[in-house]
Amino acid sequence: ATSVKGRFTISRDNAKNTVYLQMNSLKLEDTAV
């Protein structure tokens, strides 16, 4: 999403069937479920 570009990074580990979301420089507007 344009609102998170440059701040969030998504990655995956296929061997573990796991997805990650690294969230940096968090803002108040990132508050969510």
Full PDB file with SEQRES, HELIX, SHEET, SSBOND, CRYST1, ORIGX, SCALE, CONECT and MASTER records, all heavy atoms in Angstrom:
SEQRES   1 A   33  ALA THR SER VAL LYS GLY ARG PHE THR ILE SER ARG ASP          
SEQRES   2 A   33  ASN ALA LYS ASN THR VAL TYR LEU GLN MET ASN SER LEU          
SEQRES   3 A   33  LYS LEU GLU ASP THR ALA VAL                                  
HELIX    1 AA1 LEU A   28  ASP A   30  5                                   3    
SHEET    1 AA1 2 PHE A   8  ASP A  13  0                                        
SHEET    2 AA1 2 THR A  18  MET A  23 -1                                        
CRYST1    1.000    1.000    1.000  90.00  90.00  90.00 P 1           1          
ORIGX1      1.000000  0.000000  0.000000        0.00000                         
ORIGX2      0.000000  1.000000  0.000000        0.00000                         
ORIGX3      0.000000  0.000000  1.000000        0.00000                         
SCALE1      1.000000  0.000000  0.000000        0.00000                         
SCALE2      0.000000  1.000000  0.000000        0.00000                         
SCALE3      0.000000  0.000000  1.000000        0.00000                         
ATOM      1  N   ALA A   1       0.841  -1.176   0.000  1.00  0.00           N  
ATOM      2  CA  ALA A   1       0.000   0.000   0.000  1.00  0.00           C  
ATOM      3  C   ALA A   1       0.886   1.240   0.000  1.00  0.00           C  
ATOM      4  O   ALA A   1       1.967   1.244   0.598  1.00  0.00           O  
ATOM      5  CB  ALA A   1      -0.912   0.005   1.225  1.00  0.00           C  
ATOM      6  N   THR A   2       0.429   2.277  -0.665  1.00  0.00           N  
ATOM      7  CA  THR A   2       1.244   3.484  -0.754  1.00  0.00           C  
ATOM      8  C   THR A   2       1.550   4.066   0.617  1.00  0.00           C  
ATOM      9  O   THR A   2       2.609   4.670   0.825  1.00  0.00           O  
ATOM     10  CB  THR A   2       0.552   4.545  -1.618  1.00  0.00           C  
ATOM     11  OG1 THR A   2      -0.749   4.826  -1.097  1.00  0.00           O  
ATOM     12  CG2 THR A   2       0.407   4.055  -3.048  1.00  0.00           C  
ATOM     13  N   SER A   3       0.653   3.876   1.557  1.00  0.00           N  
ATOM     14  CA  SER A   3       0.826   4.445   2.881  1.00  0.00           C  
ATOM     15  C   SER A   3       1.951   3.799   3.685  1.00  0.00           C  
ATOM     16  O   SER A   3       2.409   4.374   4.677  1.00  0.00           O  
ATOM     17  CB  SER A   3      -0.481   4.349   3.678  1.00  0.00           C  
ATOM     18  OG  SER A   3      -0.898   3.003   3.801  1.00  0.00           O  
ATOM     19  N   VAL A   4       2.396   2.621   3.272  1.00  0.00           N  
ATOM     20  CA  VAL A   4       3.431   1.919   4.033  1.00  0.00           C  
ATOM     21  C   VAL A   4       4.717   1.721   3.248  1.00  0.00           C  
ATOM     22  O   VAL A   4       5.701   1.204   3.799  1.00  0.00           O  
ATOM     23  CB  VAL A   4       2.934   0.557   4.554  1.00  0.00           C  
ATOM     24  CG1 VAL A   4       1.639   0.717   5.339  1.00  0.00           C  
ATOM     25  CG2 VAL A   4       2.749  -0.437   3.403  1.00  0.00           C  
ATOM     26  N   LYS A   5       4.735   2.127   2.002  1.00  0.00           N  
ATOM     27  CA  LYS A   5       5.933   1.958   1.186  1.00  0.00           C  
ATOM     28  C   LYS A   5       7.120   2.666   1.817  1.00  0.00           C  
ATOM     29  O   LYS A   5       7.019   3.799   2.265  1.00  0.00           O  
ATOM     30  CB  LYS A   5       5.701   2.496  -0.223  1.00  0.00           C  
ATOM     31  CG  LYS A   5       4.846   1.607  -1.097  1.00  0.00           C  
ATOM     32  CD  LYS A   5       4.695   2.193  -2.497  1.00  0.00           C  
ATOM     33  CE  LYS A   5       3.847   1.294  -3.374  1.00  0.00           C  
ATOM     34  NZ  LYS A   5       3.638   1.878  -4.716  1.00  0.00           N  
ATOM     35  N   GLY A   6       8.226   1.977   1.848  1.00  0.00           N  
ATOM     36  CA  GLY A   6       9.436   2.525   2.432  1.00  0.00           C  
ATOM     37  C   GLY A   6       9.551   2.317   3.917  1.00  0.00           C  
ATOM     38  O   GLY A   6      10.625   2.559   4.494  1.00  0.00           O  
ATOM     39  N   ARG A   7       8.479   1.892   4.556  1.00  0.00           N  
ATOM     40  CA  ARG A   7       8.487   1.673   5.996  1.00  0.00           C  
ATOM     41  C   ARG A   7       8.278   0.209   6.373  1.00  0.00           C  
ATOM     42  O   ARG A   7       8.849  -0.256   7.360  1.00  0.00           O  
ATOM     43  CB  ARG A   7       7.411   2.518   6.678  1.00  0.00           C  
ATOM     44  CG  ARG A   7       7.587   4.013   6.471  1.00  0.00           C  
ATOM     45  CD  ARG A   7       6.597   4.814   7.316  1.00  0.00           C  
ATOM     46  NE  ARG A   7       5.210   4.532   6.937  1.00  0.00           N  
ATOM     47  CZ  ARG A   7       4.317   3.993   7.751  1.00  0.00           C  
ATOM     48  NH1 ARG A   7       4.646   3.670   8.996  1.00  0.00           N  
ATOM     49  NH2 ARG A   7       3.070   3.791   7.334  1.00  0.00           N  
ATOM     50  N   PHE A   8       7.463  -0.492   5.605  1.00  0.00           N  
ATOM     51  CA  PHE A   8       7.158  -1.887   5.890  1.00  0.00           C  
ATOM     52  C   PHE A   8       7.854  -2.786   4.877  1.00  0.00           C  
ATOM     53  O   PHE A   8       8.019  -2.413   3.707  1.00  0.00           O  
ATOM     54  CB  PHE A   8       5.653  -2.147   5.807  1.00  0.00           C  
ATOM     55  CG  PHE A   8       4.833  -1.536   6.910  1.00  0.00           C  
ATOM     56  CD1 PHE A   8       5.378  -0.619   7.801  1.00  0.00           C  
ATOM     57  CD2 PHE A   8       3.499  -1.882   7.049  1.00  0.00           C  
ATOM     58  CE1 PHE A   8       4.618  -0.058   8.809  1.00  0.00           C  
ATOM     59  CE2 PHE A   8       2.726  -1.325   8.055  1.00  0.00           C  
ATOM     60  CZ  PHE A   8       3.279  -0.415   8.930  1.00  0.00           C  
ATOM     61  N   THR A   9       8.211  -3.967   5.321  1.00  0.00           N  
ATOM     62  CA  THR A   9       8.810  -4.962   4.447  1.00  0.00           C  
ATOM     63  C   THR A   9       8.157  -6.309   4.697  1.00  0.00           C  
ATOM     64  O   THR A   9       8.117  -6.778   5.834  1.00  0.00           O  
ATOM     65  CB  THR A   9      10.327  -5.083   4.674  1.00  0.00           C  
ATOM     66  OG1 THR A   9      10.954  -3.821   4.459  1.00  0.00           O  
ATOM     67  CG2 THR A   9      10.917  -6.105   3.696  1.00  0.00           C  
ATOM     68  N   ILE A  10       7.652  -6.913   3.643  1.00  0.00           N  
ATOM     69  CA  ILE A  10       7.065  -8.236   3.751  1.00  0.00           C  
ATOM     70  C   ILE A  10       8.061  -9.262   3.228  1.00  0.00           C  
ATOM     71  O   ILE A  10       8.784  -9.006   2.263  1.00  0.00           O  
ATOM     72  CB  ILE A  10       5.725  -8.329   2.987  1.00  0.00           C  
ATOM     73  CG1 ILE A  10       5.012  -9.652   3.285  1.00  0.00           C  
ATOM     74  CG2 ILE A  10       5.920  -8.129   1.493  1.00  0.00           C  
ATOM     75  CD1 ILE A  10       3.576  -9.705   2.758  1.00  0.00           C  
ATOM     76  N   SER A  11       8.108 -10.393   3.876  1.00  0.00           N  
ATOM     77  CA  SER A  11       8.996 -11.463   3.456  1.00  0.00           C  
ATOM     78  C   SER A  11       8.347 -12.796   3.791  1.00  0.00           C  
ATOM     79  O   SER A  11       7.360 -12.853   4.528  1.00  0.00           O  
ATOM     80  CB  SER A  11      10.374 -11.345   4.118  1.00  0.00           C  
ATOM     81  OG  SER A  11      10.264 -11.426   5.530  1.00  0.00           O  
ATOM     82  N   ARG A  12       8.901 -13.856   3.254  1.00  0.00           N  
ATOM     83  CA  ARG A  12       8.342 -15.179   3.525  1.00  0.00           C  
ATOM     84  C   ARG A  12       9.441 -16.219   3.597  1.00  0.00           C  
ATOM     85  O   ARG A  12      10.515 -16.067   2.992  1.00  0.00           O  
ATOM     86  CB  ARG A  12       7.301 -15.571   2.462  1.00  0.00           C  
ATOM     87  CG  ARG A  12       7.861 -15.731   1.059  1.00  0.00           C  
ATOM     88  CD  ARG A  12       6.735 -15.889   0.035  1.00  0.00           C  
ATOM     89  NE  ARG A  12       6.039 -17.162   0.165  1.00  0.00           N  
ATOM     90  CZ  ARG A  12       4.877 -17.445  -0.416  1.00  0.00           C  
ATOM     91  NH1 ARG A  12       4.256 -16.516  -1.147  1.00  0.00           N  
ATOM     92  NH2 ARG A  12       4.318 -18.640  -0.256  1.00  0.00           N  
ATOM     93  N   ASP A  13       9.162 -17.247   4.343  1.00  0.00           N  
ATOM     94  CA  ASP A  13      10.037 -18.396   4.459  1.00  0.00           C  
ATOM     95  C   ASP A  13       9.198 -19.592   4.027  1.00  0.00           C  
ATOM     96  O   ASP A  13       8.371 -20.087   4.792  1.00  0.00           O  
ATOM     97  CB  ASP A  13      10.544 -18.562   5.887  1.00  0.00           C  
ATOM     98  CG  ASP A  13      11.555 -19.682   6.026  1.00  0.00           C  
ATOM     99  OD1 ASP A  13      11.555 -20.613   5.202  1.00  0.00           O  
ATOM    100  OD2 ASP A  13      12.363 -19.632   6.978  1.00  0.00           O  
ATOM    101  N   ASN A  14       9.399 -20.013   2.803  1.00  0.00           N  
ATOM    102  CA  ASN A  14       8.571 -21.085   2.264  1.00  0.00           C  
ATOM    103  C   ASN A  14       8.776 -22.416   2.983  1.00  0.00           C  
ATOM    104  O   ASN A  14       7.851 -23.220   3.077  1.00  0.00           O  
ATOM    105  CB  ASN A  14       8.848 -21.248   0.768  1.00  0.00           C  
ATOM    106  CG  ASN A  14       8.316 -20.085  -0.043  1.00  0.00           C  
ATOM    107  OD1 ASN A  14       7.330 -19.456   0.325  1.00  0.00           O  
ATOM    108  ND2 ASN A  14       8.967 -19.798  -1.165  1.00  0.00           N  
ATOM    109  N   ALA A  15       9.973 -22.643   3.481  1.00  0.00           N  
ATOM    110  CA  ALA A  15      10.234 -23.876   4.207  1.00  0.00           C  
ATOM    111  C   ALA A  15       9.423 -23.952   5.485  1.00  0.00           C  
ATOM    112  O   ALA A  15       9.072 -25.042   5.945  1.00  0.00           O  
ATOM    113  CB  ALA A  15      11.724 -24.008   4.514  1.00  0.00           C  
ATOM    114  N   LYS A  16       9.129 -22.799   6.066  1.00  0.00           N  
ATOM    115  CA  LYS A  16       8.365 -22.745   7.305  1.00  0.00           C  
ATOM    116  C   LYS A  16       6.915 -22.337   7.087  1.00  0.00           C  
ATOM    117  O   LYS A  16       6.149 -22.242   8.055  1.00  0.00           O  
ATOM    118  CB  LYS A  16       9.010 -21.761   8.277  1.00  0.00           C  
ATOM    119  CG  LYS A  16      10.403 -22.148   8.730  1.00  0.00           C  
ATOM    120  CD  LYS A  16      10.963 -21.128   9.703  1.00  0.00           C  
ATOM    121  CE  LYS A  16      12.339 -21.519  10.191  1.00  0.00           C  
ATOM    122  NZ  LYS A  16      12.900 -20.514  11.133  1.00  0.00           N  
ATOM    123  N   ASN A  17       6.547 -22.091   5.842  1.00  0.00           N  
ATOM    124  CA  ASN A  17       5.201 -21.601   5.523  1.00  0.00           C  
ATOM    125  C   ASN A  17       4.835 -20.398   6.384  1.00  0.00           C  
ATOM    126  O   ASN A  17       3.741 -20.317   6.951  1.00  0.00           O  
ATOM    127  CB  ASN A  17       4.161 -22.716   5.692  1.00  0.00           C  
ATOM    128  CG  ASN A  17       4.224 -23.749   4.588  1.00  0.00           C  
ATOM    129  OD1 ASN A  17       4.570 -23.435   3.442  1.00  0.00           O  
ATOM    130  ND2 ASN A  17       3.888 -24.981   4.918  1.00  0.00           N  
ATOM    131  N   THR A  18       5.757 -19.474   6.456  1.00  0.00           N  
ATOM    132  CA  THR A  18       5.605 -18.322   7.327  1.00  0.00           C  
ATOM    133  C   THR A  18       5.812 -17.034   6.545  1.00  0.00           C  
ATOM    134  O   THR A  18       6.698 -16.953   5.693  1.00  0.00           O  
ATOM    135  CB  THR A  18       6.598 -18.385   8.497  1.00  0.00           C  
ATOM    136  OG1 THR A  18       6.352 -19.576   9.254  1.00  0.00           O  
ATOM    137  CG2 THR A  18       6.439 -17.181   9.413  1.00  0.00           C  
ATOM    138  N   VAL A  19       4.994 -16.050   6.850  1.00  0.00           N  
ATOM    139  CA  VAL A  19       5.131 -14.733   6.265  1.00  0.00           C  
ATOM    140  C   VAL A  19       5.377 -13.733   7.385  1.00  0.00           C  
ATOM    141  O   VAL A  19       4.834 -13.868   8.487  1.00  0.00           O  
ATOM    142  CB  VAL A  19       3.888 -14.344   5.432  1.00  0.00           C  
ATOM    143  CG1 VAL A  19       2.628 -14.319   6.291  1.00  0.00           C  
ATOM    144  CG2 VAL A  19       4.100 -13.015   4.725  1.00  0.00           C  
ATOM    145  N   TYR A  20       6.206 -12.750   7.100  1.00  0.00           N  
ATOM    146  CA  TYR A  20       6.569 -11.751   8.083  1.00  0.00           C  
ATOM    147  C   TYR A  20       6.228 -10.358   7.569  1.00  0.00           C  
ATOM    148  O   TYR A  20       6.192 -10.112   6.366  1.00  0.00           O  
ATOM    149  CB  TYR A  20       8.068 -11.797   8.388  1.00  0.00           C  
ATOM    150  CG  TYR A  20       8.574 -13.158   8.796  1.00  0.00           C  
ATOM    151  CD1 TYR A  20       9.079 -14.040   7.844  1.00  0.00           C  
ATOM    152  CD2 TYR A  20       8.552 -13.563  10.123  1.00  0.00           C  
ATOM    153  CE1 TYR A  20       9.552 -15.287   8.210  1.00  0.00           C  
ATOM    154  CE2 TYR A  20       9.021 -14.809  10.494  1.00  0.00           C  
ATOM    155  CZ  TYR A  20       9.520 -15.667   9.534  1.00  0.00           C  
ATOM    156  OH  TYR A  20       9.981 -16.909   9.908  1.00  0.00           O  
ATOM    157  N   LEU A  21       6.010  -9.473   8.487  1.00  0.00           N  
ATOM    158  CA  LEU A  21       5.843  -8.066   8.155  1.00  0.00           C  
ATOM    159  C   LEU A  21       6.685  -7.253   9.120  1.00  0.00           C  
ATOM    160  O   LEU A  21       6.348  -7.144  10.304  1.00  0.00           O  
ATOM    161  CB  LEU A  21       4.377  -7.636   8.227  1.00  0.00           C  
ATOM    162  CG  LEU A  21       4.102  -6.203   7.768  1.00  0.00           C  
ATOM    163  CD1 LEU A  21       4.363  -6.069   6.269  1.00  0.00           C  
ATOM    164  CD2 LEU A  21       2.666  -5.792   8.088  1.00  0.00           C  
ATOM    165  N   GLN A  22       7.771  -6.723   8.615  1.00  0.00           N  
ATOM    166  CA  GLN A  22       8.612  -5.838   9.401  1.00  0.00           C  
ATOM    167  C   GLN A  22       8.080  -4.423   9.261  1.00  0.00           C  
ATOM    168  O   GLN A  22       8.008  -3.890   8.156  1.00  0.00           O  
ATOM    169  CB  GLN A  22      10.062  -5.907   8.924  1.00  0.00           C  
ATOM    170  CG  GLN A  22      11.016  -4.983   9.671  1.00  0.00           C  
ATOM    171  CD  GLN A  22      11.190  -5.370  11.115  1.00  0.00           C  
ATOM    172  OE1 GLN A  22      11.401  -6.543  11.424  1.00  0.00           O  
ATOM    173  NE2 GLN A  22      11.104  -4.391  12.010  1.00  0.00           N  
ATOM    174  N   MET A  23       7.707  -3.828  10.364  1.00  0.00           N  
ATOM    175  CA  MET A  23       7.114  -2.503  10.367  1.00  0.00           C  
ATOM    176  C   MET A  23       8.046  -1.540  11.087  1.00  0.00           C  
ATOM    177  O   MET A  23       8.301  -1.686  12.283  1.00  0.00           O  
ATOM    178  CB  MET A  23       5.741  -2.527  11.041  1.00  0.00           C  
ATOM    179  CG  MET A  23       4.773  -3.530  10.423  1.00  0.00           C  
ATOM    180  SD  MET A  23       3.107  -3.446  11.149  1.00  0.00           S  
ATOM    181  CE  MET A  23       3.475  -4.013  12.818  1.00  0.00           C  
ATOM    182  N   ASN A  24       8.543  -0.579  10.352  1.00  0.00           N  
ATOM    183  CA  ASN A  24       9.439   0.431  10.897  1.00  0.00           C  
ATOM    184  C   ASN A  24       8.801   1.808  10.793  1.00  0.00           C  
ATOM    185  O   ASN A  24       7.858   2.018  10.037  1.00  0.00           O  
ATOM    186  CB  ASN A  24      10.773   0.425  10.160  1.00  0.00           C  
ATOM    187  CG  ASN A  24      11.527  -0.874  10.286  1.00  0.00           C  
ATOM    188  OD1 ASN A  24      11.467  -1.542  11.321  1.00  0.00           O  
ATOM    189  ND2 ASN A  24      12.265  -1.237   9.234  1.00  0.00           N  
ATOM    190  N   SER A  25       9.347   2.734  11.545  1.00  0.00           N  
ATOM    191  CA  SER A  25       8.869   4.115  11.527  1.00  0.00           C  
ATOM    192  C   SER A  25       7.355   4.181  11.661  1.00  0.00           C  
ATOM    193  O   SER A  25       6.664   4.866  10.903  1.00  0.00           O  
ATOM    194  CB  SER A  25       9.326   4.817  10.240  1.00  0.00           C  
ATOM    195  OG  SER A  25      10.734   4.802  10.121  1.00  0.00           O  
ATOM    196  N   LEU A  26       6.846   3.480  12.638  1.00  0.00           N  
ATOM    197  CA  LEU A  26       5.402   3.369  12.799  1.00  0.00           C  
ATOM    198  C   LEU A  26       4.767   4.718  13.116  1.00  0.00           C  
ATOM    199  O   LEU A  26       5.330   5.540  13.840  1.00  0.00           O  
ATOM    200  CB  LEU A  26       5.077   2.361  13.894  1.00  0.00           C  
ATOM    201  CG  LEU A  26       5.241   0.900  13.465  1.00  0.00           C  
ATOM    202  CD1 LEU A  26       5.345  -0.010  14.674  1.00  0.00           C  
ATOM    203  CD2 LEU A  26       4.064   0.485  12.580  1.00  0.00           C  
ATOM    204  N   LYS A  27       3.595   4.901  12.553  1.00  0.00           N  
ATOM    205  CA  LYS A  27       2.821   6.111  12.739  1.00  0.00           C  
ATOM    206  C   LYS A  27       1.507   5.785  13.433  1.00  0.00           C  
ATOM    207  O   LYS A  27       1.052   4.641  13.425  1.00  0.00           O  
ATOM    208  CB  LYS A  27       2.525   6.770  11.389  1.00  0.00           C  
ATOM    209  CG  LYS A  27       3.748   7.101  10.556  1.00  0.00           C  
ATOM    210  CD  LYS A  27       3.337   7.647   9.198  1.00  0.00           C  
ATOM    211  CE  LYS A  27       4.548   7.991   8.354  1.00  0.00           C  
ATOM    212  NZ  LYS A  27       4.146   8.512   7.013  1.00  0.00           N  
ATOM    213  N   LEU A  28       0.889   6.807  13.987  1.00  0.00           N  
ATOM    214  CA  LEU A  28      -0.401   6.619  14.635  1.00  0.00           C  
ATOM    215  C   LEU A  28      -1.419   5.997  13.686  1.00  0.00           C  
ATOM    216  O   LEU A  28      -2.246   5.178  14.099  1.00  0.00           O  
ATOM    217  CB  LEU A  28      -0.942   7.942  15.175  1.00  0.00           C  
ATOM    218  CG  LEU A  28      -0.668   8.241  16.652  1.00  0.00           C  
ATOM    219  CD1 LEU A  28       0.821   8.280  16.947  1.00  0.00           C  
ATOM    220  CD2 LEU A  28      -1.331   9.552  17.055  1.00  0.00           C  
ATOM    221  N   GLU A  29      -1.362   6.377  12.425  1.00  0.00           N  
ATOM    222  CA  GLU A  29      -2.304   5.873  11.442  1.00  0.00           C  
ATOM    223  C   GLU A  29      -2.125   4.399  11.126  1.00  0.00           C  
ATOM    224  O   GLU A  29      -2.963   3.802  10.445  1.00  0.00           O  
ATOM    225  CB  GLU A  29      -2.195   6.694  10.149  1.00  0.00           C  
ATOM    226  CG  GLU A  29      -0.847   6.562   9.444  1.00  0.00           C  
ATOM    227  CD  GLU A  29      -0.592   7.666   8.437  1.00  0.00           C  
ATOM    228  OE1 GLU A  29      -0.527   8.839   8.859  1.00  0.00           O  
ATOM    229  OE2 GLU A  29      -0.474   7.362   7.238  1.00  0.00           O  
ATOM    230  N   ASP A  30      -1.041   3.803  11.598  1.00  0.00           N  
ATOM    231  CA  ASP A  30      -0.828   2.371  11.411  1.00  0.00           C  
ATOM    232  C   ASP A  30      -1.602   1.537  12.422  1.00  0.00           C  
ATOM    233  O   ASP A  30      -1.638   0.308  12.306  1.00  0.00           O  
ATOM    234  CB  ASP A  30       0.659   2.031  11.510  1.00  0.00           C  
ATOM    235  CG  ASP A  30       1.481   2.661  10.400  1.00  0.00           C  
ATOM    236  OD1 ASP A  30       1.016   2.673   9.247  1.00  0.00           O  
ATOM    237  OD2 ASP A  30       2.590   3.139  10.698  1.00  0.00           O  
ATOM    238  N   THR A  31      -2.180   2.181  13.398  1.00  0.00           N  
ATOM    239  CA  THR A  31      -2.970   1.467  14.394  1.00  0.00           C  
ATOM    240  C   THR A  31      -4.127   0.741  13.716  1.00  0.00           C  
ATOM    241  O   THR A  31      -4.934   1.358  13.028  1.00  0.00           O  
ATOM    242  CB  THR A  31      -3.504   2.423  15.463  1.00  0.00           C  
ATOM    243  OG1 THR A  31      -2.409   2.968  16.200  1.00  0.00           O  
ATOM    244  CG2 THR A  31      -4.432   1.695  16.425  1.00  0.00           C  
ATOM    245  N   ALA A  32      -4.193  -0.556  13.907  1.00  0.00           N  
ATOM    246  CA  ALA A  32      -5.212  -1.364  13.251  1.00  0.00           C  
ATOM    247  C   ALA A  32      -5.096  -2.800  13.730  1.00  0.00           C  
ATOM    248  O   ALA A  32      -4.124  -3.181  14.384  1.00  0.00           O  
ATOM    249  CB  ALA A  32      -5.040  -1.318  11.731  1.00  0.00           C  
ATOM    250  N   VAL A  33      -6.100  -3.571  13.386  1.00  0.00           N  
ATOM    251  CA  VAL A  33      -6.002  -5.015  13.514  1.00  0.00           C  
ATOM    252  C   VAL A  33      -5.402  -5.535  12.221  1.00  0.00           C  
ATOM    253  O   VAL A  33      -5.915  -5.251  11.138  1.00  0.00           O  
ATOM    254  CB  VAL A  33      -7.367  -5.672  13.773  1.00  0.00           C  
ATOM    255  CG1 VAL A  33      -7.224  -7.191  13.837  1.00  0.00           C  
ATOM    256  CG2 VAL A  33      -7.969  -5.148  15.072  1.00  0.00           C  
TER     257      VAL A  33                                                      
MASTER        0    0    0    1    2    0    0    6  256    1    0    3          
END                                                                             
